[in-house]
Amino acid sequence: KTVRFMRHNLMTDEPLNYLDVIFCRNVMIYFSRQQQDELLGRFHRSLNSGGFLVLAKVEMAWDKNLFATVDGNCKIYQKVG
C-alpha cells in the first residue's frame, strides 16, 4: 500500500505530490543542463518537507537552495525549505 508503480513522464506529466523519497538513478545524465535544472525543481516541489532525493554516482543536485547534501559519496540529498 505504500509503494505504487506507474508510468510517469518526468518532463511533461504533472509532478507527483507528497513523496518522502525519490530514487532517480542514471536518468538525469540523458538530459541537458536546463532540463536537469527543471527536473530538480519538479523533484523539490514533489517532496514533502525534509524528503530525500537519491541520485546515481555521476549525478548531483547542485542547487543548494533546493537540496542539502546528506551523503556526497552516495549522492543522497535532502529537500531544503
N, C-alpha and C. Protein backbone atom coordinates (compact mmCIF):
# COMPACT_ATOMS: atom_id res chain seq x y z
N LYS A 1 0.80 -1.20 0.00
CA LYS A 1 0.00 0.00 0.00
C LYS A 1 0.84 1.27 0.00
N THR A 2 2.11 1.17 0.38
CA THR A 2 2.92 2.38 0.46
C THR A 2 3.77 2.60 -0.78
N VAL A 3 3.82 1.64 -1.70
CA VAL A 3 4.60 1.77 -2.92
C VAL A 3 3.67 1.62 -4.10
N ARG A 4 3.81 2.52 -5.06
CA ARG A 4 2.98 2.45 -6.25
C ARG A 4 3.90 2.52 -7.47
N PHE A 5 3.69 1.63 -8.42
CA PHE A 5 4.45 1.62 -9.67
C PHE A 5 3.54 2.12 -10.78
N MET A 6 4.06 3.04 -11.59
CA MET A 6 3.27 3.58 -12.68
C MET A 6 4.18 4.26 -13.69
N ARG A 7 3.67 4.45 -14.89
CA ARG A 7 4.39 5.21 -15.91
C ARG A 7 4.22 6.69 -15.60
N HIS A 8 5.33 7.43 -15.76
CA HIS A 8 5.28 8.87 -15.49
C HIS A 8 6.37 9.55 -16.29
N ASN A 9 5.99 10.48 -17.15
CA ASN A 9 6.97 11.25 -17.91
C ASN A 9 7.46 12.38 -17.02
N LEU A 10 8.73 12.35 -16.67
CA LEU A 10 9.29 13.32 -15.73
C LEU A 10 9.22 14.76 -16.22
N MET A 11 9.20 14.96 -17.53
CA MET A 11 9.26 16.31 -18.06
C MET A 11 7.90 16.88 -18.46
N THR A 12 6.92 16.04 -18.75
CA THR A 12 5.65 16.56 -19.25
C THR A 12 4.45 16.28 -18.34
N ASP A 13 4.48 15.22 -17.55
CA ASP A 13 3.37 14.92 -16.66
C ASP A 13 3.42 15.83 -15.44
N GLU A 14 2.27 16.05 -14.84
CA GLU A 14 2.21 16.83 -13.61
C GLU A 14 3.08 16.16 -12.55
N PRO A 15 3.85 16.95 -11.78
CA PRO A 15 4.67 16.34 -10.73
C PRO A 15 3.79 15.62 -9.70
N LEU A 16 4.32 14.54 -9.17
CA LEU A 16 3.64 13.82 -8.10
C LEU A 16 3.79 14.63 -6.82
N ASN A 17 2.91 14.42 -5.86
CA ASN A 17 2.94 15.19 -4.62
C ASN A 17 3.11 14.28 -3.41
N TYR A 18 3.58 14.89 -2.33
CA TYR A 18 3.64 14.26 -1.01
C TYR A 18 4.54 13.02 -0.98
N LEU A 19 5.68 13.11 -1.63
CA LEU A 19 6.63 12.00 -1.64
C LEU A 19 7.66 12.19 -0.52
N ASP A 20 8.06 11.09 0.09
CA ASP A 20 9.09 11.13 1.12
C ASP A 20 10.48 10.90 0.56
N VAL A 21 10.56 10.16 -0.53
CA VAL A 21 11.86 9.87 -1.15
C VAL A 21 11.67 9.66 -2.65
N ILE A 22 12.65 10.14 -3.41
CA ILE A 22 12.69 9.93 -4.85
C ILE A 22 14.02 9.28 -5.18
N PHE A 23 13.98 8.15 -5.85
CA PHE A 23 15.17 7.50 -6.37
C PHE A 23 15.19 7.78 -7.87
N CYS A 24 16.18 8.51 -8.31
CA CYS A 24 16.32 8.86 -9.73
C CYS A 24 17.76 8.58 -10.12
N ARG A 25 18.01 7.36 -10.51
CA ARG A 25 19.39 6.93 -10.75
C ARG A 25 19.62 6.70 -12.24
N ASN A 26 20.68 7.36 -12.75
CA ASN A 26 21.08 7.22 -14.15
C ASN A 26 20.00 7.66 -15.13
N VAL A 27 19.30 8.73 -14.77
CA VAL A 27 18.28 9.30 -15.64
C VAL A 27 18.70 10.70 -16.09
N MET A 28 19.12 11.51 -15.14
CA MET A 28 19.43 12.91 -15.43
C MET A 28 20.58 13.07 -16.42
N ILE A 29 21.44 12.08 -16.52
CA ILE A 29 22.59 12.18 -17.44
C ILE A 29 22.16 12.29 -18.89
N TYR A 30 20.92 11.92 -19.18
CA TYR A 30 20.42 11.96 -20.56
C TYR A 30 19.75 13.29 -20.90
N PHE A 31 19.66 14.20 -19.93
CA PHE A 31 19.02 15.49 -20.14
C PHE A 31 20.06 16.60 -20.22
N SER A 32 19.69 17.69 -20.88
CA SER A 32 20.56 18.87 -20.92
C SER A 32 20.59 19.50 -19.53
N ARG A 33 21.52 20.41 -19.31
CA ARG A 33 21.62 21.09 -18.01
C ARG A 33 20.33 21.83 -17.69
N GLN A 34 19.74 22.48 -18.68
CA GLN A 34 18.48 23.20 -18.47
C GLN A 34 17.37 22.24 -18.05
N GLN A 35 17.28 21.09 -18.71
CA GLN A 35 16.28 20.09 -18.34
C GLN A 35 16.54 19.53 -16.95
N GLN A 36 17.82 19.35 -16.61
CA GLN A 36 18.16 18.87 -15.27
C GLN A 36 17.73 19.87 -14.21
N ASP A 37 17.94 21.16 -14.47
CA ASP A 37 17.50 22.20 -13.54
C ASP A 37 15.99 22.15 -13.35
N GLU A 38 15.26 22.00 -14.44
CA GLU A 38 13.80 21.91 -14.36
C GLU A 38 13.38 20.67 -13.58
N LEU A 39 14.05 19.57 -13.84
CA LEU A 39 13.72 18.32 -13.15
C LEU A 39 13.98 18.42 -11.65
N LEU A 40 15.09 19.04 -11.26
CA LEU A 40 15.37 19.22 -9.84
C LEU A 40 14.29 20.08 -9.17
N GLY A 41 13.81 21.08 -9.88
CA GLY A 41 12.72 21.90 -9.36
C GLY A 41 11.44 21.09 -9.18
N ARG A 42 11.17 20.22 -10.14
CA ARG A 42 9.99 19.35 -10.04
C ARG A 42 10.13 18.40 -8.86
N PHE A 43 11.30 17.84 -8.68
CA PHE A 43 11.54 16.93 -7.55
C PHE A 43 11.34 17.68 -6.24
N HIS A 44 11.86 18.89 -6.17
CA HIS A 44 11.73 19.69 -4.95
C HIS A 44 10.26 19.93 -4.62
N ARG A 45 9.46 20.28 -5.61
CA ARG A 45 8.03 20.52 -5.38
C ARG A 45 7.30 19.23 -5.01
N SER A 46 7.77 18.10 -5.48
CA SER A 46 7.10 16.82 -5.22
C SER A 46 7.36 16.28 -3.82
N LEU A 47 8.50 16.61 -3.25
CA LEU A 47 8.89 16.03 -1.96
C LEU A 47 8.23 16.74 -0.78
N ASN A 48 7.89 15.97 0.22
CA ASN A 48 7.45 16.52 1.49
C ASN A 48 8.62 17.27 2.13
N SER A 49 8.33 18.11 3.08
CA SER A 49 9.38 18.81 3.82
C SER A 49 10.32 17.78 4.44
N GLY A 50 11.61 17.96 4.22
CA GLY A 50 12.60 17.02 4.74
C GLY A 50 12.75 15.75 3.93
N GLY A 51 12.08 15.67 2.76
CA GLY A 51 12.16 14.49 1.91
C GLY A 51 13.54 14.32 1.30
N PHE A 52 13.80 13.13 0.80
CA PHE A 52 15.13 12.78 0.28
C PHE A 52 15.11 12.53 -1.22
N LEU A 53 16.20 12.90 -1.86
CA LEU A 53 16.44 12.62 -3.28
C LEU A 53 17.72 11.80 -3.37
N VAL A 54 17.65 10.66 -4.04
CA VAL A 54 18.81 9.78 -4.21
C VAL A 54 19.13 9.70 -5.70
N LEU A 55 20.34 10.09 -6.04
CA LEU A 55 20.79 10.09 -7.43
C LEU A 55 21.89 9.07 -7.63
N ALA A 56 22.29 8.89 -8.89
CA ALA A 56 23.39 7.99 -9.22
C ALA A 56 24.72 8.68 -8.93
N LYS A 57 25.77 7.92 -8.88
CA LYS A 57 27.10 8.45 -8.53
C LYS A 57 27.58 9.54 -9.47
N VAL A 58 27.15 9.52 -10.73
CA VAL A 58 27.61 10.52 -11.70
C VAL A 58 26.69 11.74 -11.76
N GLU A 59 25.63 11.75 -10.97
CA GLU A 59 24.67 12.85 -10.98
C GLU A 59 24.79 13.64 -9.68
N MET A 60 24.26 14.88 -9.71
CA MET A 60 24.29 15.66 -8.48
C MET A 60 23.18 16.71 -8.49
N ALA A 61 22.76 17.07 -7.28
CA ALA A 61 21.80 18.15 -7.09
C ALA A 61 22.60 19.38 -6.69
N TRP A 62 22.97 20.20 -7.66
CA TRP A 62 23.91 21.30 -7.42
C TRP A 62 23.24 22.55 -6.85
N ASP A 63 21.92 22.65 -6.92
CA ASP A 63 21.25 23.85 -6.41
C ASP A 63 21.07 23.74 -4.90
N LYS A 64 21.93 24.41 -4.15
CA LYS A 64 21.93 24.33 -2.69
C LYS A 64 20.70 25.01 -2.07
N ASN A 65 19.97 25.80 -2.87
CA ASN A 65 18.73 26.40 -2.39
C ASN A 65 17.60 25.38 -2.36
N LEU A 66 17.75 24.31 -3.12
CA LEU A 66 16.73 23.27 -3.19
C LEU A 66 17.06 22.05 -2.35
N PHE A 67 18.35 21.64 -2.38
CA PHE A 67 18.74 20.40 -1.72
C PHE A 67 20.05 20.56 -0.96
N ALA A 68 20.08 19.99 0.24
CA ALA A 68 21.30 19.93 1.04
C ALA A 68 21.89 18.53 0.91
N THR A 69 23.20 18.45 0.85
CA THR A 69 23.87 17.16 0.73
C THR A 69 23.84 16.44 2.07
N VAL A 70 23.33 15.22 2.07
CA VAL A 70 23.32 14.36 3.26
C VAL A 70 24.54 13.45 3.21
N ASP A 71 24.79 12.86 2.04
CA ASP A 71 25.94 11.98 1.84
C ASP A 71 26.41 12.16 0.40
N GLY A 72 27.50 12.89 0.24
CA GLY A 72 28.03 13.18 -1.10
C GLY A 72 28.49 11.95 -1.86
N ASN A 73 29.07 10.98 -1.16
CA ASN A 73 29.55 9.77 -1.83
C ASN A 73 28.41 8.93 -2.37
N CYS A 74 27.33 8.85 -1.61
CA CYS A 74 26.17 8.04 -2.02
C CYS A 74 25.14 8.87 -2.77
N LYS A 75 25.39 10.17 -2.94
CA LYS A 75 24.50 11.08 -3.66
C LYS A 75 23.09 11.11 -3.06
N ILE A 76 23.05 11.33 -1.76
CA ILE A 76 21.78 11.45 -1.04
C ILE A 76 21.62 12.91 -0.64
N TYR A 77 20.49 13.49 -1.01
CA TYR A 77 20.20 14.89 -0.75
C TYR A 77 18.88 15.01 0.01
N GLN A 78 18.74 16.13 0.74
CA GLN A 78 17.51 16.36 1.48
C GLN A 78 16.93 17.70 1.05
N LYS A 79 15.62 17.72 0.90
CA LYS A 79 14.93 18.93 0.49
C LYS A 79 15.17 20.05 1.49
N VAL A 80 15.47 21.24 0.97
CA VAL A 80 15.62 22.43 1.78
C VAL A 80 14.33 23.23 1.64
N GLY A 81 13.83 23.74 2.75
CA GLY A 81 12.63 24.57 2.72
C GLY A 81 11.34 23.82 2.82
